[in-house]
Amino acid sequence: MMAQNEVVVVGIDVAKDKVDACIRSLSQRQTFASTAEGRRALIRWLRKHRVGKAAMEASGGYEQDWAKALREARIEVRIVDPKRVRSFARSAGRLAKNDPIDAEMIAWFAETFTEAPGQAYDAARERLVKIVNARQGLLDLQTNLKNSGEHTVPDVVQKMQARLLKKIAVEVAKLETAIAAQVKATPHFAELAEIIESVPGLGKDHVRRTDRDDAGTGPGERQYRRGFVGGSTLR
């Protein structure tokens, strides 16, 4: 039985197409589609059960729209570290090595560690994540086009692929410049470095690109580009 002044917590397991929500203290579970209506339905359900806090793991960006909707509904949101939740679950004997973490476990973690730090909402970080994800999407498309070019295709297709690859390279460069600018303009750049370093090849690729552009910059700017984009000074 809950104390009268105890905050009701929901654990939310975020996937690409849906979320599973669990109010462990009330034995309530529900699944919601990853749509605008799904988010509104979740908020109605949480208000019905007087939920004051929602906990969810970082899920490659899929959690962002949900977290934003909950905050706008004045529900506290904690983005918790998946490693800590997994460690907690295993110590409680509830999780084997490769078992997925579910909404109930996230709720239990948040109820147990009420003062544990979560990832505070950060508009600059959210913007940076979206730019980084967009860049990765272009790189994936680039790889697919290059792989398809290894097979015999008509000339018209080859020319189309070449045009697309050229355009993708230009857009990737623009996004990388935007990433560097975002980090430079954000005071807590050290907290954002993990996002940049998590993208394979971003640092090295961009340093090589900026090397060609260094003629118009001083040594301080060159050091900044290598340090922040390359990640070498932020480990």
C-alpha atoms as a PDB file:
ATOM      1  CA  MET A   1       0.000   0.000   0.000  1.00  0.00           C
ATOM      2  CA  MET A   2       1.387   3.391  -0.994  1.00  0.00           C
ATOM      3  CA  ALA A   3       1.866   6.227   1.420  1.00  0.00           C
ATOM      4  CA  GLN A   4      -0.457   9.145   0.770  1.00  0.00           C
ATOM      5  CA  ASN A   5       2.360  11.535  -0.165  1.00  0.00           C
ATOM      6  CA  GLU A   6       4.363   9.023  -2.215  1.00  0.00           C
ATOM      7  CA  VAL A   7       4.905   9.964  -5.864  1.00  0.00           C
ATOM      8  CA  VAL A   8       3.413   7.476  -8.300  1.00  0.00           C
ATOM      9  CA  VAL A   9       6.054   6.336 -10.794  1.00  0.00           C
ATOM     10  CA  VAL A  10       5.609   4.839 -14.245  1.00  0.00           C
ATOM     11  CA  GLY A  11       8.312   2.916 -16.050  1.00  0.00           C
ATOM     12  CA  ILE A  12       8.257   3.303 -19.819  1.00  0.00           C
ATOM     13  CA  ASP A  13       9.993   0.893 -22.183  1.00  0.00           C
ATOM     14  CA  VAL A  14      10.434   2.727 -25.489  1.00  0.00           C
ATOM     15  CA  ALA A  15      10.610   0.979 -28.844  1.00  0.00           C
ATOM     16  CA  LYS A  16      10.429   2.372 -32.358  1.00  0.00           C
ATOM     17  CA  ASP A  17       6.725   1.730 -32.927  1.00  0.00           C
ATOM     18  CA  LYS A  18       5.329   1.643 -29.382  1.00  0.00           C
ATOM     19  CA  VAL A  19       5.958   2.047 -25.690  1.00  0.00           C
ATOM     20  CA  ASP A  20       5.074  -0.303 -22.868  1.00  0.00           C
ATOM     21  CA  ALA A  21       4.166   1.500 -19.645  1.00  0.00           C
ATOM     22  CA  CYS A  22       3.995   0.004 -16.177  1.00  0.00           C
ATOM     23  CA  ILE A  23       2.781   1.603 -12.949  1.00  0.00           C
ATOM     24  CA  ARG A  24       4.260  -1.069 -10.728  1.00  0.00           C
ATOM     25  CA  SER A  25       2.828   0.229  -7.457  1.00  0.00           C
ATOM     26  CA  LEU A  26      -0.705  -0.004  -8.863  1.00  0.00           C
ATOM     27  CA  SER A  27      -0.193  -3.166 -10.945  1.00  0.00           C
ATOM     28  CA  GLN A  28      -1.197  -1.281 -14.082  1.00  0.00           C
ATOM     29  CA  ARG A  29       0.196  -1.937 -17.578  1.00  0.00           C
ATOM     30  CA  GLN A  30      -0.613  -0.479 -20.957  1.00  0.00           C
ATOM     31  CA  THR A  31       0.878  -0.269 -24.452  1.00  0.00           C
ATOM     32  CA  PHE A  32       0.703   2.870 -26.603  1.00  0.00           C
ATOM     33  CA  ALA A  33       1.520   3.422 -30.267  1.00  0.00           C
ATOM     34  CA  SER A  34       4.339   5.795 -31.179  1.00  0.00           C
ATOM     35  CA  THR A  35       1.996   8.394 -32.635  1.00  0.00           C
ATOM     36  CA  ALA A  36       0.685  11.758 -31.514  1.00  0.00           C
ATOM     37  CA  GLU A  37      -2.562  10.094 -30.444  1.00  0.00           C
ATOM     38  CA  GLY A  38      -0.589   7.402 -28.632  1.00  0.00           C
ATOM     39  CA  ARG A  39       1.246  10.055 -26.631  1.00  0.00           C
ATOM     40  CA  ARG A  40      -2.011  11.804 -25.772  1.00  0.00           C
ATOM     41  CA  ALA A  41      -3.508   8.478 -24.682  1.00  0.00           C
ATOM     42  CA  LEU A  42      -0.509   7.781 -22.458  1.00  0.00           C
ATOM     43  CA  ILE A  43      -0.855  11.167 -20.775  1.00  0.00           C
ATOM     44  CA  ARG A  44      -4.583  10.602 -20.158  1.00  0.00           C
ATOM     45  CA  TRP A  45      -3.803   7.202 -18.639  1.00  0.00           C
ATOM     46  CA  LEU A  46      -1.077   8.647 -16.414  1.00  0.00           C
ATOM     47  CA  ARG A  47      -3.308  11.468 -15.227  1.00  0.00           C
ATOM     48  CA  LYS A  48      -6.046   8.967 -14.440  1.00  0.00           C
ATOM     49  CA  HIS A  49      -3.642   7.164 -12.109  1.00  0.00           C
ATOM     50  CA  ARG A  50      -2.125  10.390 -10.744  1.00  0.00           C
ATOM     51  CA  VAL A  51       1.384   9.578 -11.948  1.00  0.00           C
ATOM     52  CA  GLY A  52       3.928  12.233 -11.003  1.00  0.00           C
ATOM     53  CA  LYS A  53       7.127  10.795 -12.412  1.00  0.00           C
ATOM     54  CA  ALA A  54       8.035   8.856 -15.563  1.00  0.00           C
ATOM     55  CA  ALA A  55      11.276   6.937 -16.009  1.00  0.00           C
ATOM     56  CA  MET A  56      12.609   5.680 -19.317  1.00  0.00           C
ATOM     57  CA  GLU A  57      15.913   4.638 -20.800  1.00  0.00           C
ATOM     58  CA  ALA A  58      17.698   6.449 -23.568  1.00  0.00           C
ATOM     59  CA  SER A  59      16.639   4.545 -26.700  1.00  0.00           C
ATOM     60  CA  GLY A  60      18.556   5.965 -29.615  1.00  0.00           C
ATOM     61  CA  GLY A  61      16.371   9.051 -29.795  1.00  0.00           C
ATOM     62  CA  TYR A  62      13.020   7.236 -29.816  1.00  0.00           C
ATOM     63  CA  GLU A  63      12.400   8.444 -26.267  1.00  0.00           C
ATOM     64  CA  GLN A  64      12.654  12.147 -27.138  1.00  0.00           C
ATOM     65  CA  ASP A  65       9.117  12.769 -28.405  1.00  0.00           C
ATOM     66  CA  TRP A  66       7.681  10.861 -25.456  1.00  0.00           C
ATOM     67  CA  ALA A  67       9.799  12.783 -22.945  1.00  0.00           C
ATOM     68  CA  LYS A  68       8.835  16.094 -24.529  1.00  0.00           C
ATOM     69  CA  ALA A  69       5.119  15.270 -24.417  1.00  0.00           C
ATOM     70  CA  LEU A  70       5.324  14.214 -20.769  1.00  0.00           C
ATOM     71  CA  ARG A  71       7.220  17.332 -19.736  1.00  0.00           C
ATOM     72  CA  GLU A  72       4.675  19.508 -21.519  1.00  0.00           C
ATOM     73  CA  ALA A  73       2.023  17.675 -19.484  1.00  0.00           C
ATOM     74  CA  ARG A  74       3.955  18.644 -16.324  1.00  0.00           C
ATOM     75  CA  ILE A  75       5.018  15.096 -15.541  1.00  0.00           C
ATOM     76  CA  GLU A  76       8.578  14.774 -14.283  1.00  0.00           C
ATOM     77  CA  VAL A  77      10.762  12.747 -16.628  1.00  0.00           C
ATOM     78  CA  ARG A  78      13.933  10.856 -15.760  1.00  0.00           C
ATOM     79  CA  ILE A  79      16.066   9.425 -18.524  1.00  0.00           C
ATOM     80  CA  VAL A  80      17.906   6.643 -16.720  1.00  0.00           C
ATOM     81  CA  ASP A  81      21.153   4.902 -17.541  1.00  0.00           C
ATOM     82  CA  PRO A  82      20.405   1.484 -19.118  1.00  0.00           C
ATOM     83  CA  LYS A  83      23.561   0.018 -17.575  1.00  0.00           C
ATOM     84  CA  ARG A  84      22.421   0.955 -14.075  1.00  0.00           C
ATOM     85  CA  VAL A  85      18.959  -0.485 -14.636  1.00  0.00           C
ATOM     86  CA  ARG A  86      20.432  -3.734 -15.975  1.00  0.00           C
ATOM     87  CA  SER A  87      22.851  -3.959 -13.053  1.00  0.00           C
ATOM     88  CA  PHE A  88      19.991  -3.382 -10.616  1.00  0.00           C
ATOM     89  CA  ALA A  89      17.847  -6.034 -12.284  1.00  0.00           C
ATOM     90  CA  ARG A  90      20.619  -8.614 -12.254  1.00  0.00           C
ATOM     91  CA  SER A  91      21.423  -7.932  -8.601  1.00  0.00           C
ATOM     92  CA  ALA A  92      17.752  -8.511  -7.819  1.00  0.00           C
ATOM     93  CA  GLY A  93      17.885 -11.832  -9.650  1.00  0.00           C
ATOM     94  CA  ARG A  94      15.358 -10.679 -12.230  1.00  0.00           C
ATOM     95  CA  LEU A  95      17.486 -10.569 -15.342  1.00  0.00           C
ATOM     96  CA  ALA A  96      19.716 -12.983 -17.221  1.00  0.00           C
ATOM     97  CA  LYS A  97      22.628 -11.697 -19.302  1.00  0.00           C
ATOM     98  CA  ASN A  98      20.714 -11.232 -22.555  1.00  0.00           C
ATOM     99  CA  ASP A  99      17.212 -10.637 -21.240  1.00  0.00           C
ATOM    100  CA  PRO A 100      15.553  -7.368 -22.274  1.00  0.00           C
ATOM    101  CA  ILE A 101      14.761  -4.750 -19.666  1.00  0.00           C
ATOM    102  CA  ASP A 102      11.015  -4.132 -19.421  1.00  0.00           C
ATOM    103  CA  ALA A 103       8.846  -1.287 -18.187  1.00  0.00           C
ATOM    104  CA  GLU A 104       8.270  -2.913 -14.811  1.00  0.00           C
ATOM    105  CA  MET A 105      11.994  -3.126 -14.141  1.00  0.00           C
ATOM    106  CA  ILE A 106      12.487   0.517 -15.112  1.00  0.00           C
ATOM    107  CA  ALA A 107       9.670   1.509 -12.737  1.00  0.00           C
ATOM    108  CA  TRP A 108      11.151  -0.581  -9.932  1.00  0.00           C
ATOM    109  CA  PHE A 109      14.555   1.020 -10.448  1.00  0.00           C
ATOM    110  CA  ALA A 110      13.066   4.540 -10.342  1.00  0.00           C
ATOM    111  CA  GLU A 111      11.056   3.720  -7.207  1.00  0.00           C
ATOM    112  CA  THR A 112      14.108   2.291  -5.463  1.00  0.00           C
ATOM    113  CA  PHE A 113      16.592   4.994  -6.396  1.00  0.00           C
ATOM    114  CA  THR A 114      14.376   8.029  -6.053  1.00  0.00           C
ATOM    115  CA  GLU A 115      17.280  10.457  -5.791  1.00  0.00           C
ATOM    116  CA  ALA A 116      19.479   8.849  -8.445  1.00  0.00           C
ATOM    117  CA  PRO A 117      20.450  11.414 -11.079  1.00  0.00           C
ATOM    118  CA  GLY A 118      18.707  11.148 -14.398  1.00  0.00           C
ATOM    119  CA  GLN A 119      19.533  12.876 -17.619  1.00  0.00           C
ATOM    120  CA  ALA A 120      18.139  16.388 -17.317  1.00  0.00           C
ATOM    121  CA  TYR A 121      16.251  17.837 -20.248  1.00  0.00           C
ATOM    122  CA  ASP A 122      18.611  19.684 -22.509  1.00  0.00           C
ATOM    123  CA  ALA A 123      17.265  21.365 -25.647  1.00  0.00           C
ATOM    124  CA  ALA A 124      20.765  21.858 -27.069  1.00  0.00           C
ATOM    125  CA  ARG A 125      21.615  18.209 -26.561  1.00  0.00           C
ATOM    126  CA  GLU A 126      18.344  17.110 -28.140  1.00  0.00           C
ATOM    127  CA  ARG A 127      19.051  19.271 -31.181  1.00  0.00           C
ATOM    128  CA  LEU A 128      22.547  17.858 -31.470  1.00  0.00           C
ATOM    129  CA  VAL A 129      21.285  14.283 -31.245  1.00  0.00           C
ATOM    130  CA  LYS A 130      18.883  14.931 -34.116  1.00  0.00           C
ATOM    131  CA  ILE A 131      21.644  16.376 -36.290  1.00  0.00           C
ATOM    132  CA  VAL A 132      23.934  13.442 -35.507  1.00  0.00           C
ATOM    133  CA  ASN A 133      21.159  10.956 -36.274  1.00  0.00           C
ATOM    134  CA  ALA A 134      20.433  12.703 -39.578  1.00  0.00           C
ATOM    135  CA  ARG A 135      24.100  12.437 -40.509  1.00  0.00           C
ATOM    136  CA  GLN A 136      24.141   8.747 -39.687  1.00  0.00           C
ATOM    137  CA  GLY A 137      21.071   8.223 -41.849  1.00  0.00           C
ATOM    138  CA  LEU A 138      22.849   9.820 -44.786  1.00  0.00           C
ATOM    139  CA  LEU A 139      25.932   7.684 -44.211  1.00  0.00           C
ATOM    140  CA  ASP A 140      23.781   4.552 -44.190  1.00  0.00           C
ATOM    141  CA  LEU A 141      22.214   5.625 -47.478  1.00  0.00           C
ATOM    142  CA  GLN A 142      25.666   6.354 -48.875  1.00  0.00           C
ATOM    143  CA  THR A 143      26.861   2.863 -47.958  1.00  0.00           C
ATOM    144  CA  ASN A 144      23.812   1.245 -49.566  1.00  0.00           C
ATOM    145  CA  LEU A 145      24.352   3.165 -52.779  1.00  0.00           C
ATOM    146  CA  LYS A 146      28.032   2.258 -52.911  1.00  0.00           C
ATOM    147  CA  ASN A 147      27.230  -1.395 -52.305  1.00  0.00           C
ATOM    148  CA  SER A 148      24.615  -1.435 -55.048  1.00  0.00           C
ATOM    149  CA  GLY A 149      27.173   0.144 -57.377  1.00  0.00           C
ATOM    150  CA  GLU A 150      29.313  -2.952 -57.080  1.00  0.00           C
ATOM    151  CA  HIS A 151      26.795  -4.821 -59.234  1.00  0.00           C
ATOM    152  CA  THR A 152      26.260  -4.354 -62.948  1.00  0.00           C
ATOM    153  CA  VAL A 153      23.561  -1.761 -63.552  1.00  0.00           C
ATOM    154  CA  PRO A 154      22.510   0.288 -66.587  1.00  0.00           C
ATOM    155  CA  ASP A 155      24.455   3.479 -67.293  1.00  0.00           C
ATOM    156  CA  VAL A 156      21.494   5.655 -66.388  1.00  0.00           C
ATOM    157  CA  VAL A 157      21.382   4.056 -62.929  1.00  0.00           C
ATOM    158  CA  GLN A 158      25.129   4.466 -62.443  1.00  0.00           C
ATOM    159  CA  LYS A 159      24.892   8.160 -63.290  1.00  0.00           C
ATOM    160  CA  MET A 160      21.939   8.602 -60.922  1.00  0.00           C
ATOM    161  CA  GLN A 161      23.858   6.900 -58.108  1.00  0.00           C
ATOM    162  CA  ALA A 162      26.904   9.065 -58.752  1.00  0.00           C
ATOM    163  CA  ARG A 163      24.780  12.219 -58.532  1.00  0.00           C
ATOM    164  CA  LEU A 164      23.185  11.049 -55.305  1.00  0.00           C
ATOM    165  CA  LEU A 165      26.537  10.127 -53.749  1.00  0.00           C
ATOM    166  CA  LYS A 166      27.916  13.546 -54.595  1.00  0.00           C
ATOM    167  CA  LYS A 167      24.880  15.263 -53.078  1.00  0.00           C
ATOM    168  CA  ILE A 168      25.030  13.082 -49.958  1.00  0.00           C
ATOM    169  CA  ALA A 169      28.693  13.952 -49.430  1.00  0.00           C
ATOM    170  CA  VAL A 170      27.838  17.661 -49.575  1.00  0.00           C
ATOM    171  CA  GLU A 171      24.975  17.300 -47.098  1.00  0.00           C
ATOM    172  CA  VAL A 172      27.061  15.191 -44.712  1.00  0.00           C
ATOM    173  CA  ALA A 173      29.711  17.915 -44.698  1.00  0.00           C
ATOM    174  CA  LYS A 174      27.049  20.527 -43.885  1.00  0.00           C
ATOM    175  CA  LEU A 175      25.756  18.455 -40.976  1.00  0.00           C
ATOM    176  CA  GLU A 176      29.248  17.905 -39.614  1.00  0.00           C
ATOM    177  CA  THR A 177      29.853  21.654 -39.727  1.00  0.00           C
ATOM    178  CA  ALA A 178      26.564  22.160 -37.883  1.00  0.00           C
ATOM    179  CA  ILE A 179      27.623  19.616 -35.242  1.00  0.00           C
ATOM    180  CA  ALA A 180      30.918  21.405 -34.661  1.00  0.00           C
ATOM    181  CA  ALA A 181      29.143  24.773 -34.450  1.00  0.00           C
ATOM    182  CA  GLN A 182      26.562  23.433 -31.990  1.00  0.00           C
ATOM    183  CA  VAL A 183      29.258  22.098 -29.681  1.00  0.00           C
ATOM    184  CA  LYS A 184      31.224  25.328 -29.863  1.00  0.00           C
ATOM    185  CA  ALA A 185      28.130  27.395 -29.047  1.00  0.00           C
ATOM    186  CA  THR A 186      27.121  25.249 -26.076  1.00  0.00           C
ATOM    187  CA  PRO A 187      28.822  25.971 -22.728  1.00  0.00           C
ATOM    188  CA  HIS A 188      28.524  22.424 -21.409  1.00  0.00           C
ATOM    189  CA  PHE A 189      30.277  20.943 -24.447  1.00  0.00           C
ATOM    190  CA  ALA A 190      31.936  18.258 -22.331  1.00  0.00           C
ATOM    191  CA  GLU A 191      28.532  16.664 -21.687  1.00  0.00           C
ATOM    192  CA  LEU A 192      27.791  16.653 -25.413  1.00  0.00           C
ATOM    193  CA  ALA A 193      31.104  15.116 -26.451  1.00  0.00           C
ATOM    194  CA  GLU A 194      29.785  11.602 -25.797  1.00  0.00           C
ATOM    195  CA  ILE A 195      27.254  12.066 -28.589  1.00  0.00           C
ATOM    196  CA  ILE A 196      29.950  12.977 -31.084  1.00  0.00           C
ATOM    197  CA  GLU A 197      32.291  10.230 -29.985  1.00  0.00           C
ATOM    198  CA  SER A 198      29.508   7.660 -30.238  1.00  0.00           C
ATOM    199  CA  VAL A 199      29.262   8.152 -34.011  1.00  0.00           C
ATOM    200  CA  PRO A 200      31.839   5.934 -35.765  1.00  0.00           C
ATOM    201  CA  GLY A 201      34.187   7.907 -37.979  1.00  0.00           C
ATOM    202  CA  LEU A 202      32.780  11.347 -37.307  1.00  0.00           C
ATOM    203  CA  GLY A 203      35.839  12.713 -35.541  1.00  0.00           C
ATOM    204  CA  LYS A 204      38.486  11.454 -37.937  1.00  0.00           C
ATOM    205  CA  ASP A 205      36.467  12.171 -41.063  1.00  0.00           C
ATOM    206  CA  HIS A 206      35.678  15.705 -40.016  1.00  0.00           C
ATOM    207  CA  VAL A 207      39.223  16.488 -38.885  1.00  0.00           C
ATOM    208  CA  ARG A 208      40.522  15.426 -42.289  1.00  0.00           C
ATOM    209  CA  ARG A 209      37.914  17.637 -43.928  1.00  0.00           C
ATOM    210  CA  THR A 210      38.664  20.646 -41.759  1.00  0.00           C
ATOM    211  CA  ASP A 211      42.384  20.196 -42.385  1.00  0.00           C
ATOM    212  CA  ARG A 212      41.706  21.209 -45.971  1.00  0.00           C
ATOM    213  CA  ASP A 213      39.882  24.314 -44.725  1.00  0.00           C
ATOM    214  CA  ASP A 214      42.467  25.364 -42.153  1.00  0.00           C
ATOM    215  CA  ALA A 215      44.121  27.956 -44.359  1.00  0.00           C
ATOM    216  CA  GLY A 216      41.684  30.585 -43.151  1.00  0.00           C
ATOM    217  CA  THR A 217      41.867  29.713 -39.471  1.00  0.00           C
ATOM    218  CA  GLY A 218      44.347  30.258 -36.704  1.00  0.00           C
ATOM    219  CA  PRO A 219      45.998  27.577 -34.563  1.00  0.00           C
ATOM    220  CA  GLY A 220      43.419  28.033 -31.794  1.00  0.00           C
ATOM    221  CA  GLU A 221      40.547  27.270 -34.145  1.00  0.00           C
ATOM    222  CA  ARG A 222      42.380  24.269 -35.592  1.00  0.00           C
ATOM    223  CA  GLN A 223      42.983  22.924 -32.094  1.00  0.00           C
ATOM    224  CA  TYR A 224      39.319  23.454 -31.275  1.00  0.00           C
ATOM    225  CA  ARG A 225      38.201  21.506 -34.354  1.00  0.00           C
ATOM    226  CA  ARG A 226      40.480  18.595 -33.618  1.00  0.00           C
ATOM    227  CA  GLY A 227      39.632  18.562 -29.934  1.00  0.00           C
ATOM    228  CA  PHE A 228      35.881  18.862 -30.112  1.00  0.00           C
ATOM    229  CA  VAL A 229      35.080  17.171 -33.378  1.00  0.00           C
ATOM    230  CA  GLY A 230      37.848  14.616 -33.204  1.00  0.00           C
ATOM    231  CA  GLY A 231      37.183  13.966 -29.540  1.00  0.00           C
ATOM    232  CA  SER A 232      40.854  13.634 -28.615  1.00  0.00           C
ATOM    233  CA  THR A 233      40.744  16.167 -25.774  1.00  0.00           C
ATOM    234  CA  LEU A 234      37.441  15.029 -24.327  1.00  0.00           C
ATOM    235  CA  ARG A 235      38.129  11.470 -23.264  1.00  0.00           C
END
